[in-house]
Protein backbone atom coordinates (compact mmCIF):
# COMPACT_ATOMS: atom_id res chain seq x y z
CA UNK A 1 104.28 99.21 129.04
CA UNK A 2 106.15 101.72 131.19
CA UNK A 3 105.97 99.83 134.49
CA UNK A 4 109.68 98.95 134.35
CA UNK A 5 110.68 102.43 133.20
CA UNK A 6 111.61 105.47 135.23
CA UNK A 7 108.79 107.94 134.59
CA UNK A 8 109.05 111.66 135.43
CA UNK A 9 107.41 114.86 134.24
CA UNK A 10 110.56 116.73 133.14
CA UNK A 11 113.92 115.82 131.61
CA UNK A 12 115.80 117.45 134.46
CA UNK A 13 113.93 115.29 136.95
CA UNK A 14 114.56 112.23 134.79
CA UNK A 15 118.33 112.73 134.98
CA UNK A 16 118.25 113.47 138.72
CA UNK A 17 116.19 110.37 139.50
CA UNK A 18 118.35 108.14 137.27
CA UNK A 19 121.50 109.34 139.08
CA UNK A 20 119.87 108.60 142.44
CA UNK A 21 118.69 105.11 141.47
CA UNK A 22 121.78 103.84 139.61
CA UNK A 23 124.61 106.30 140.37
CA UNK A 24 127.50 104.07 139.31
CA UNK A 25 125.90 102.50 136.25
CA UNK A 26 127.41 103.61 132.90
CA UNK A 27 125.29 106.06 130.93
CA UNK A 28 127.32 107.73 128.15
CA UNK A 29 130.24 106.35 126.11
CA UNK A 30 131.93 107.58 122.96
CA UNK A 31 134.17 106.35 120.15
CA UNK A 32 137.27 107.80 121.82
CA UNK A 33 136.99 105.67 124.96
CA UNK A 34 135.35 108.20 127.26
CA UNK A 35 132.67 106.90 129.63
CA UNK A 36 130.49 108.60 132.24
CA UNK A 37 128.31 107.05 134.92
CA UNK A 38 124.84 108.32 135.74
CA UNK A 39 126.19 110.26 138.73
CA UNK A 40 129.03 111.74 136.68
CA UNK A 41 126.60 112.92 133.99
CA UNK A 42 124.40 114.60 136.59
CA UNK A 43 127.34 116.28 138.32
CA UNK A 44 128.88 117.50 135.08
CA UNK A 45 125.54 118.78 133.80
CA UNK A 46 125.31 120.93 136.92
CA UNK A 47 128.78 122.37 136.28
CA UNK A 48 128.09 122.90 132.56
CA UNK A 49 124.91 124.74 133.53
CA UNK A 50 127.00 127.02 135.77
CA UNK A 51 129.41 127.70 132.89
CA UNK A 52 126.58 128.48 130.46
CA UNK A 53 124.96 130.75 133.05
CA UNK A 54 128.25 132.65 133.20
CA UNK A 55 127.82 133.17 129.43
CA UNK A 56 124.54 134.93 130.13
CA UNK A 57 122.29 131.98 129.36
CA UNK A 58 119.33 131.52 131.68
CA UNK A 59 115.59 130.94 131.85
CA UNK A 60 113.94 131.96 128.61
CA UNK A 61 117.19 132.54 126.67
CA UNK A 62 116.78 131.34 123.10
CA UNK A 63 119.78 129.16 122.25
CA UNK A 64 120.35 127.41 118.91
CA UNK A 65 123.04 124.76 118.72
CA UNK A 66 124.66 122.99 115.77
CA UNK A 67 126.78 120.30 117.39
CA UNK A 68 127.91 116.74 116.56
CA UNK A 69 126.80 113.61 118.37
CA UNK A 70 129.15 113.87 121.34
CA UNK A 71 129.05 113.47 125.10
CA UNK A 72 129.65 117.22 125.37
CA UNK A 73 126.50 117.84 123.33
CA UNK A 74 124.39 115.70 125.65
CA UNK A 75 125.78 117.59 128.65
CA UNK A 76 124.93 120.91 126.98
CA UNK A 77 121.41 119.73 126.09
CA UNK A 78 120.67 118.72 129.66
CA UNK A 79 122.37 121.83 131.08
CA UNK A 80 120.28 124.13 128.88
CA UNK A 81 117.18 122.31 130.05
CA UNK A 82 118.28 122.72 133.68
CA UNK A 83 118.62 126.46 133.08
CA UNK A 84 115.17 126.74 131.49
CA UNK A 85 116.57 127.97 128.18
CA UNK A 86 114.61 127.48 124.95
CA UNK A 87 116.89 125.36 122.79
CA UNK A 88 116.82 124.78 119.06
CA UNK A 89 119.01 121.91 117.79
CA UNK A 90 120.25 122.29 114.19
CA UNK A 91 121.67 119.27 112.35
CA UNK A 92 125.36 119.77 111.46
CA UNK A 93 124.92 119.24 107.71
CA UNK A 94 122.80 122.40 107.38
CA UNK A 95 124.65 125.24 105.68
CA UNK A 96 124.27 129.02 105.59
CA UNK A 97 120.82 129.20 104.02
CA UNK A 98 119.21 126.63 106.32
CA UNK A 99 121.08 127.78 109.44
CA UNK A 100 120.04 131.40 108.84
CA UNK A 101 116.40 130.33 108.55
CA UNK A 102 116.64 128.18 111.69
CA UNK A 103 118.31 130.95 113.68
CA UNK A 104 115.70 133.46 112.56
CA UNK A 105 112.66 131.29 113.21
CA UNK A 106 113.94 130.22 116.64
CA UNK A 107 114.84 133.84 117.54
CA UNK A 108 118.21 132.58 118.75
CA UNK A 109 120.24 134.96 120.87
CA UNK A 110 123.16 132.51 121.20
CA UNK A 111 124.43 129.96 118.67
CA UNK A 112 126.57 127.09 119.98
CA UNK A 113 128.94 125.63 117.36
CA UNK A 114 131.76 123.04 117.40
CA UNK A 115 134.46 125.32 115.95
CA UNK A 116 135.91 123.42 113.01
CA UNK A 117 134.43 119.95 112.58
CA UNK A 118 134.80 117.64 109.57
CA UNK A 119 136.60 120.41 107.65
CA UNK A 120 133.80 122.94 108.14
CA UNK A 121 134.48 126.20 110.01
CA UNK A 122 131.21 126.64 111.87
CA UNK A 123 132.29 129.91 113.47
CA UNK A 124 132.93 131.44 110.05
CA UNK A 125 129.59 130.11 108.86
CA UNK A 126 127.85 131.64 111.88
CA UNK A 127 129.48 134.98 111.17
CA UNK A 128 128.40 134.88 107.51
CA UNK A 129 124.69 134.31 108.10
CA UNK A 130 122.40 136.68 106.22
CA UNK A 131 119.72 137.61 108.74
CA UNK A 132 118.37 140.85 107.33
CA UNK A 133 117.37 143.21 110.13
CA UNK A 134 117.80 140.56 112.81
CA UNK A 135 120.67 140.85 115.26
CA UNK A 136 123.11 138.01 114.71
CA UNK A 137 123.32 135.56 117.62
CA UNK A 138 126.50 135.42 119.64
CA UNK A 139 128.56 132.38 118.60
CA UNK A 140 129.98 130.24 121.40
CA UNK A 141 132.26 127.27 120.69
CA UNK A 142 131.50 123.94 122.35
CA UNK A 143 134.31 121.50 121.69
CA UNK A 144 134.71 117.82 122.56
CA UNK A 145 134.82 118.90 126.22
CA UNK A 146 131.86 120.96 127.42
CA UNK A 147 132.71 124.07 129.46
CA UNK A 148 132.37 123.63 133.22
CA UNK A 149 132.37 125.95 136.19
CA UNK A 150 132.47 125.16 139.89
CA UNK A 151 129.14 125.37 141.64
CA UNK A 152 125.64 124.07 141.19
CA UNK A 153 122.90 125.91 139.36
CA UNK A 154 119.56 124.96 140.91
CA UNK A 155 117.16 123.73 138.23
CA UNK A 156 114.70 126.28 136.95
CA UNK A 157 111.16 125.11 137.59
CA UNK A 158 109.30 125.14 134.28
CA UNK A 159 105.94 123.60 133.55
CA UNK A 160 106.20 120.37 131.55
CA UNK A 161 103.83 121.82 128.95
CA UNK A 162 105.85 124.96 128.25
CA UNK A 163 107.69 125.45 124.96
CA UNK A 164 111.38 124.71 125.65
CA UNK A 165 112.46 122.86 122.50
CA UNK A 166 112.34 123.81 118.82
CA UNK A 167 113.05 121.04 116.32
CA UNK A 168 113.28 121.70 112.59
CA UNK A 169 111.64 120.06 109.63
CA UNK A 170 111.67 121.12 106.00
CA UNK A 171 108.82 123.31 104.82
CA UNK A 172 107.39 123.22 101.31
CA UNK A 173 109.94 125.83 100.23
CA UNK A 174 112.87 123.86 101.65
CA UNK A 175 113.47 126.37 104.44
CA UNK A 176 113.40 124.75 107.90
CA UNK A 177 110.29 125.39 109.96
CA UNK A 178 110.38 125.01 113.72
CA UNK A 179 108.13 122.59 115.62
CA UNK A 180 107.57 123.80 119.20
CA UNK A 181 108.03 120.98 121.68
CA UNK A 182 107.76 120.60 125.44
CA UNK A 183 109.13 118.20 128.02
CA UNK A 184 105.67 116.61 128.04
CA UNK A 185 105.61 115.94 124.29
CA UNK A 186 109.17 114.60 124.21
CA UNK A 187 108.75 112.43 127.31
CA UNK A 188 105.38 111.07 126.19
CA UNK A 189 106.86 109.80 122.94
CA UNK A 190 110.28 108.89 124.34
CA UNK A 191 108.77 106.75 127.08
CA UNK A 192 106.44 105.17 124.53
CA UNK A 193 109.45 104.43 122.32
CA UNK A 194 111.27 102.76 125.21
CA UNK A 195 108.27 100.92 126.65
CA UNK A 196 106.50 99.65 123.57
CA UNK A 197 109.86 99.04 121.92
CA UNK A 198 111.02 96.97 124.93
CA UNK A 199 114.26 98.95 125.26
CA UNK A 200 116.19 98.20 128.44
CA UNK A 201 114.05 95.14 129.08
CA UNK A 202 116.86 92.66 128.47
CA UNK A 203 119.75 92.61 130.99
CA UNK A 204 122.95 94.00 129.53
CA UNK A 205 121.19 96.34 127.10
CA UNK A 206 123.60 98.74 125.38
CA UNK A 207 122.30 101.34 122.93
CA UNK A 208 124.12 103.23 120.20
CA UNK A 209 123.38 106.50 118.43
CA UNK A 210 125.19 106.93 115.12
CA UNK A 211 122.97 109.65 113.66
CA UNK A 212 122.85 113.42 114.32
CA UNK A 213 121.74 114.00 117.90
CA UNK A 214 120.13 117.25 116.74
CA UNK A 215 117.43 115.17 115.05
CA UNK A 216 114.24 114.70 117.05
CA UNK A 217 115.32 111.06 117.33
CA UNK A 218 118.36 112.11 119.34
CA UNK A 219 116.39 113.24 122.37
CA UNK A 220 114.11 110.20 122.02
CA UNK A 221 117.08 107.84 122.23
CA UNK A 222 118.44 109.80 125.21
CA UNK A 223 115.11 109.66 127.05
CA UNK A 224 114.86 105.92 126.40
CA UNK A 225 118.35 105.33 127.84
CA UNK A 226 117.65 107.45 130.93
CA UNK A 227 114.26 105.85 131.52
CA UNK A 228 115.39 102.31 130.76
CA UNK A 229 118.65 102.60 132.70
CA UNK A 230 121.09 101.43 130.02
CA UNK A 231 124.23 103.01 128.52
CA UNK A 232 124.34 104.82 125.19
CA UNK A 233 127.30 104.79 122.82
CA UNK A 234 127.63 108.03 120.83
CA UNK A 235 129.26 108.17 117.37
CA UNK A 236 129.99 111.49 115.70
CA UNK A 237 129.30 110.02 112.26
CA UNK A 238 128.25 106.69 110.84
CA UNK A 239 131.20 105.13 109.00
CA UNK A 240 130.07 101.52 108.54
CA UNK A 241 133.28 99.60 109.18
CA UNK A 242 134.26 101.82 112.11
CA UNK A 243 130.77 101.66 113.56
CA UNK A 244 130.68 97.86 113.39
CA UNK A 245 134.03 97.65 115.17
CA UNK A 246 132.75 99.92 117.94
CA UNK A 247 129.43 98.09 118.18
CA UNK A 248 131.32 94.83 118.65
CA UNK A 249 133.71 96.34 121.19
CA UNK A 250 130.89 97.76 123.33
CA UNK A 251 128.57 94.78 122.75
CA UNK A 252 125.77 96.97 121.42
CA UNK A 253 122.38 95.28 121.64
CA UNK A 254 120.14 97.96 120.12
CA UNK A 255 120.71 100.76 117.64
CA UNK A 256 118.99 102.26 114.63
CA UNK A 257 118.17 105.24 112.48
CA UNK A 258 116.78 105.21 108.95
CA UNK A 259 116.64 102.42 106.31
CA UNK A 260 120.01 103.35 104.70
CA UNK A 261 121.62 102.61 108.06
CA UNK A 262 120.03 99.16 108.17
CA UNK A 263 120.96 98.53 104.54
CA UNK A 264 124.62 99.33 105.19
CA UNK A 265 124.78 96.83 108.07
CA UNK A 266 123.08 94.14 105.98
CA UNK A 267 125.56 94.72 103.14
CA UNK A 268 128.49 94.37 105.54
CA UNK A 269 127.04 91.19 106.99
CA UNK A 270 126.70 89.69 103.51
CA UNK A 271 130.28 90.62 102.65
CA UNK A 272 131.77 89.42 105.94
CA UNK A 273 133.90 86.26 105.71
CA UNK A 274 133.05 83.18 107.77
CA UNK A 275 129.86 81.96 109.37
CA UNK A 276 129.89 84.15 112.50
CA UNK A 277 127.41 86.96 113.02
CA UNK A 278 128.66 90.43 112.14
CA UNK A 279 127.24 91.82 115.39
CA UNK A 280 126.75 88.88 117.76
CA UNK A 281 125.18 90.97 120.55
CA UNK A 282 122.75 92.92 118.38
CA UNK A 283 119.13 92.29 119.35
CA UNK A 284 117.07 95.06 117.74
CA UNK A 285 117.25 97.80 115.14
CA UNK A 286 114.79 100.63 115.67
CA UNK A 287 114.16 104.00 114.09
CA UNK A 288 111.94 105.86 111.68
CA UNK A 289 111.95 108.89 109.44
CA UNK A 290 111.37 107.06 106.16
CA UNK A 291 109.42 104.09 104.74
CA UNK A 292 111.01 100.71 105.37
CA UNK A 293 110.51 97.99 102.73
CA UNK A 294 109.40 94.55 104.01
CA UNK A 295 112.39 92.94 102.29
CA UNK A 296 114.73 94.88 104.55
CA UNK A 297 113.08 93.56 107.70
CA UNK A 298 113.62 90.02 106.45
CA UNK A 299 117.20 90.76 105.39
CA UNK A 300 118.04 92.05 108.88
CA UNK A 301 116.62 88.86 110.37
CA UNK A 302 118.48 86.58 107.96
CA UNK A 303 121.80 88.41 107.68
CA UNK A 304 122.18 90.04 111.09
CA UNK A 305 120.17 87.68 113.27
CA UNK A 306 118.37 90.69 114.74
CA UNK A 307 114.85 92.08 114.72
CA UNK A 308 114.11 95.20 112.67
CA UNK A 309 111.21 96.85 114.50
CA UNK A 310 110.72 100.02 112.47
CA UNK A 311 108.61 102.83 113.93
CA UNK A 312 106.51 105.68 112.57
CA UNK A 313 107.16 109.24 113.64
CA UNK A 314 108.05 112.73 112.47
CA UNK A 315 109.49 115.93 113.86
CA UNK A 316 106.07 117.17 114.96
CA UNK A 317 105.11 113.87 116.63
CA UNK A 318 108.37 112.03 117.38
CA UNK A 319 106.67 108.66 117.78
CA UNK A 320 103.17 108.11 116.39
CA UNK A 321 103.50 104.33 116.46
CA UNK A 322 106.20 102.05 117.88
CA UNK A 323 106.95 98.50 116.78
CA UNK A 324 107.15 95.76 119.40
CA UNK A 325 110.12 93.48 118.63
CA UNK A 326 108.13 90.50 119.95
CA UNK A 327 105.52 90.87 117.19
CA UNK A 328 105.52 88.19 114.45
CA UNK A 329 107.84 88.76 111.50
CA UNK A 330 105.00 89.37 109.06
CA UNK A 331 103.52 92.06 111.29
CA UNK A 332 106.90 93.78 111.66
CA UNK A 333 107.52 93.59 107.91
CA UNK A 334 104.12 94.87 106.79
CA UNK A 335 103.28 97.53 109.41
CA UNK A 336 104.93 100.54 111.04
CA UNK A 337 104.25 99.77 114.68
CA UNK A 338 101.28 100.04 117.00
CA UNK A 339 99.85 103.48 117.75
CA UNK A 340 100.96 104.68 121.19
CA UNK A 341 98.12 104.58 123.74
CA UNK A 342 98.80 108.24 124.60
CA UNK A 343 97.70 109.27 121.10
CA UNK A 344 94.30 109.73 119.55
CA UNK A 345 94.47 108.90 115.86
CA UNK A 346 91.96 109.12 113.04
CA UNK A 347 92.08 108.23 109.35
CA UNK A 348 90.08 110.59 107.13
CA UNK A 349 89.28 111.21 103.49
CA UNK A 350 89.96 114.40 101.55
CA UNK A 351 86.89 116.02 103.14
CA UNK A 352 88.00 115.18 106.68
CA UNK A 353 85.43 112.42 107.10
CA UNK A 354 86.38 109.11 108.72
CA UNK A 355 87.13 106.32 106.27
CA UNK A 356 85.93 102.75 106.68
CA UNK A 357 88.03 100.62 109.07
CA UNK A 358 91.10 99.26 107.29
CA UNK A 359 90.77 101.66 104.36
CA UNK A 360 93.59 104.11 103.54
CA UNK A 361 93.24 107.80 104.31
CA UNK A 362 94.98 110.83 105.69
CA UNK A 363 96.49 110.44 109.15
CA UNK A 364 95.54 112.94 111.85
CA UNK A 365 96.79 112.69 115.43
CA UNK A 366 96.15 114.45 118.72
CA UNK A 367 97.43 114.03 122.26
CA UNK A 368 100.26 115.01 124.61
CA UNK A 369 102.96 113.74 122.24
CA UNK A 370 102.06 116.25 119.53
CA UNK A 371 104.05 119.50 119.30
CA UNK A 372 102.37 122.79 120.24
CA UNK A 373 102.55 123.89 116.63
CA UNK A 374 105.16 125.77 114.64
CA UNK A 375 107.05 128.96 115.36
CA UNK A 376 105.11 130.47 112.45
CA UNK A 377 101.42 130.83 113.41
CA UNK A 378 100.38 130.57 109.76
CA UNK A 379 102.10 127.17 109.46
CA UNK A 380 100.33 126.05 112.63
CA UNK A 381 96.95 127.11 111.32
CA UNK A 382 97.53 125.20 108.10
CA UNK A 383 98.72 122.02 109.82
CA UNK A 384 96.07 121.67 112.53
CA UNK A 385 92.34 121.14 112.13
CA UNK A 386 89.84 123.44 113.80
CA UNK A 387 89.34 120.87 116.56
CA UNK A 388 93.08 120.59 117.25
CA UNK A 389 94.20 117.50 115.34
CA UNK A 390 97.56 117.53 113.54
CA UNK A 391 97.49 116.67 109.85
CA UNK A 392 100.56 114.47 109.30
CA UNK A 393 100.43 114.57 105.51
CA UNK A 394 100.71 110.77 105.43
CA UNK A 395 98.28 108.21 104.04
CA UNK A 396 97.84 105.01 106.05
CA UNK A 397 95.58 102.17 107.10
CA UNK A 398 94.74 101.61 110.77
CA UNK A 399 94.33 97.90 111.51
CA UNK A 400 92.04 96.43 114.20
CA UNK A 401 95.11 95.40 116.21
CA UNK A 402 96.13 99.04 116.56
CA UNK A 403 99.00 98.65 114.09
CA UNK A 404 99.35 101.22 111.34
CA UNK A 405 100.46 100.65 107.77
CA UNK A 406 101.75 103.81 106.10
CA UNK A 407 101.13 103.55 102.36
CA UNK A 408 102.14 106.97 101.07
CA UNK A 409 102.15 110.67 101.82
CA UNK A 410 100.21 113.64 100.65
CA UNK A 411 103.04 116.07 101.11
CA UNK A 412 105.28 116.35 98.08
CA UNK A 413 108.47 115.52 99.94
CA UNK A 414 111.43 113.32 99.12
CA UNK A 415 112.91 111.31 102.00
CA UNK A 416 116.55 110.60 101.20
CA UNK A 417 118.52 108.75 103.91
CA UNK A 418 115.95 109.87 106.47
CA UNK A 419 116.23 113.56 105.49
CA UNK A 420 113.24 115.50 104.17
CA UNK A 421 113.96 117.27 100.89
CA UNK A 422 111.48 119.76 99.42
CA UNK A 423 111.38 119.45 95.60
CA UNK A 424 110.12 123.02 95.17
CA UNK A 425 113.37 124.47 96.50
CA UNK A 426 115.44 122.58 93.92
CA UNK A 427 112.95 123.30 91.13
CA UNK A 428 113.08 127.03 91.73
CA UNK A 429 116.86 127.02 91.55
CA UNK A 430 116.92 124.85 88.41
CA UNK A 431 114.47 127.19 86.72
CA UNK A 432 117.09 129.94 86.93
CA UNK A 433 119.56 127.95 84.82
CA UNK A 434 119.81 129.55 81.37
CA UNK A 435 119.48 126.19 79.61
CA UNK A 436 116.41 124.99 81.57
CA UNK A 437 112.93 125.89 80.41
CA UNK A 438 111.05 123.88 83.06
CA UNK A 439 111.99 121.49 85.82
CA UNK A 440 110.31 119.02 88.14
CA UNK A 441 112.01 117.12 90.94
CA UNK A 442 110.73 113.78 92.20
CA UNK A 443 111.88 111.02 94.52
CA UNK A 444 112.49 107.60 93.03
CA UNK A 445 112.81 104.34 94.99
CA UNK A 446 116.40 103.48 95.81
CA UNK A 447 117.64 100.50 97.83
CA UNK A 448 120.53 102.41 99.41
CA UNK A 449 119.00 105.84 100.05
CA UNK A 450 115.32 105.03 100.43
CA UNK A 451 114.70 107.58 97.68
CA UNK A 452 117.04 109.30 95.26
CA UNK A 453 116.53 112.82 93.93
CA UNK A 454 115.69 112.88 90.22
CA UNK A 455 115.54 116.13 88.25
CA UNK A 456 113.32 116.06 85.16
CA UNK A 457 114.00 119.05 82.94
CA UNK A 458 112.76 120.53 79.70
CA UNK A 459 115.74 122.15 77.97
CA UNK A 460 115.52 125.58 76.38
CA UNK A 461 115.20 125.06 72.58
CA UNK A 462 118.63 125.13 70.97
CA UNK A 463 120.45 125.05 74.30
CA UNK A 464 122.14 121.73 73.57
CA UNK A 465 122.42 118.68 75.80
CA UNK A 466 122.44 119.08 79.58
CA UNK A 467 124.78 117.18 81.89
CA UNK A 468 124.05 116.39 85.52
CA UNK A 469 127.52 117.59 86.52
CA UNK A 470 126.73 121.00 85.06
CA UNK A 471 123.40 121.25 86.87
CA UNK A 472 124.77 120.12 90.23
CA UNK A 473 127.60 122.64 89.98
CA UNK A 474 124.99 125.30 89.23
CA UNK A 475 122.91 124.28 92.26
CA UNK A 476 125.95 124.30 94.55
CA UNK A 477 126.81 127.77 93.30
CA UNK A 478 123.24 128.86 94.06
CA UNK A 479 123.65 127.80 97.69
CA UNK A 480 121.93 124.39 97.72
CA UNK A 481 123.47 122.02 100.24
CA UNK A 482 125.17 118.97 98.77
CA UNK A 483 122.79 116.48 100.42
CA UNK A 484 119.92 117.84 98.29
CA UNK A 485 121.66 117.56 94.91
CA UNK A 486 119.92 115.45 92.24
CA UNK A 487 121.59 112.09 91.64
CA UNK A 488 119.77 111.51 88.38
CA UNK A 489 118.86 113.72 85.43
CA UNK A 490 116.16 113.04 82.84
CA UNK A 491 115.34 115.34 79.94
CA UNK A 492 111.89 115.48 78.32
CA UNK A 493 110.26 117.54 75.61
CA UNK A 494 107.40 118.55 77.93
CA UNK A 495 106.32 117.86 81.49
CA UNK A 496 103.08 115.87 81.87
CA UNK A 497 100.20 117.83 83.41
CA UNK A 498 97.11 117.06 85.45
CA UNK A 499 93.70 118.46 84.66
CA UNK A 500 94.54 121.42 86.90
CA UNK A 501 97.66 122.17 84.82
CA UNK A 502 99.91 121.02 87.64
CA UNK A 503 102.88 118.82 86.85
CA UNK A 504 101.80 115.17 87.06
CA UNK A 505 104.57 114.02 89.36
CA UNK A 506 102.98 110.64 89.94
CA UNK A 507 103.34 109.98 86.22
CA UNK A 508 107.00 111.06 86.31
CA UNK A 509 107.67 108.71 89.21
CA UNK A 510 106.03 105.82 87.38
CA UNK A 511 107.89 106.58 84.16
CA UNK A 512 111.38 106.86 85.63
CA UNK A 513 111.12 104.30 88.42
CA UNK A 514 111.42 101.54 85.83
């Protein structure tokens, strides 16, 4: 389904070809009224590349960046790619512990930061990173305007299969681990996202990105806009009422993210006075990163008059399956898209043997859209089979139509507002509290967040009652970022155990989900 799309082998070539084909068409817009055409983006990327080269950045330089969703960030992304640098995007909500781990695992020599943004001094944070024996990266500020320098840096020729991108996902310990991506893997999935998702197919398509561009979804949305030839509105943060006003102003037809984003728009539509549609131009909502309940698909249809075509992907494989908005409502509600034709996918049991068609099992995937592995060879060895298939950690059914229905996950992760949270990290910190004898952390279903973080603790005998405010203050003091804090606290006399003496988390979820 890529016949109408611009298809190239590298991101640099994709931008160059888009500027040649539709030079005056709008490409990037922001909440402050700035707008750049395809030609202007190309020309500015060349000048930004010259400015970054003057900073000593070139082919093979390892550059981490922690920047908001801005036009300047897109220009920097594409300029780094033009220079052949190895870039590692870090989401802005990460704090010292996570940023230090990301910088170390990506071997960053330079760290690009926004200065002070949303009351956080990112330069000070960069200077405070605890990196052990590693040399701290040089911090360079990238503000709302990207640095530019006269001249044109010729693009560095790099094979499409070479590692040039490192995207982060939470490991079992909560410390980010880096997935090694290439232009080939990102373009394979980004073009599949655009093609199978029918993005840019309708005249007047306008996209919007209101989530962190440092997510793997950021580059997927960018590739789709470049390939499909439609403009992209960038929002630094998703504030529902402000976002809706901007979506209406720019006549946004497609946007997305994770289920909490969809839920917020549905809630606004229900609360809006009158009979008019909240977003009259909105055609589709697309995204991934967390399970999407069928009721939400129907609510988007009924309240927003749009199609929620939710996809299935992850940091290691940005798009495993993509939903076609033209599919029937029941298919869109009950499945997570159709597997991209570029992928090979198999559903296996615990022994790695294929399950019967339509039966649930572990999802393994191979193909050009899969990352090369992790920056840590041991993590790569654990995640890939001997014959090169990636173990997703998810449990799903593959239907005869090629659609996939994700029914659970084998990895013990909580997905809160599209963010992966490792329970073990929180449990280890809770265990240090003088009033906590044991702790288990589980995700519970939540209509707003997808899942909420619930801490189940066994108090030390005689310690007295525990309050969630006390525990969250303790966790903040121990360096846990606010987005991982438990929202619910349950106390028990003892944690339930499995036959292997492990905590029976499934039982805890059942008990406290009521």
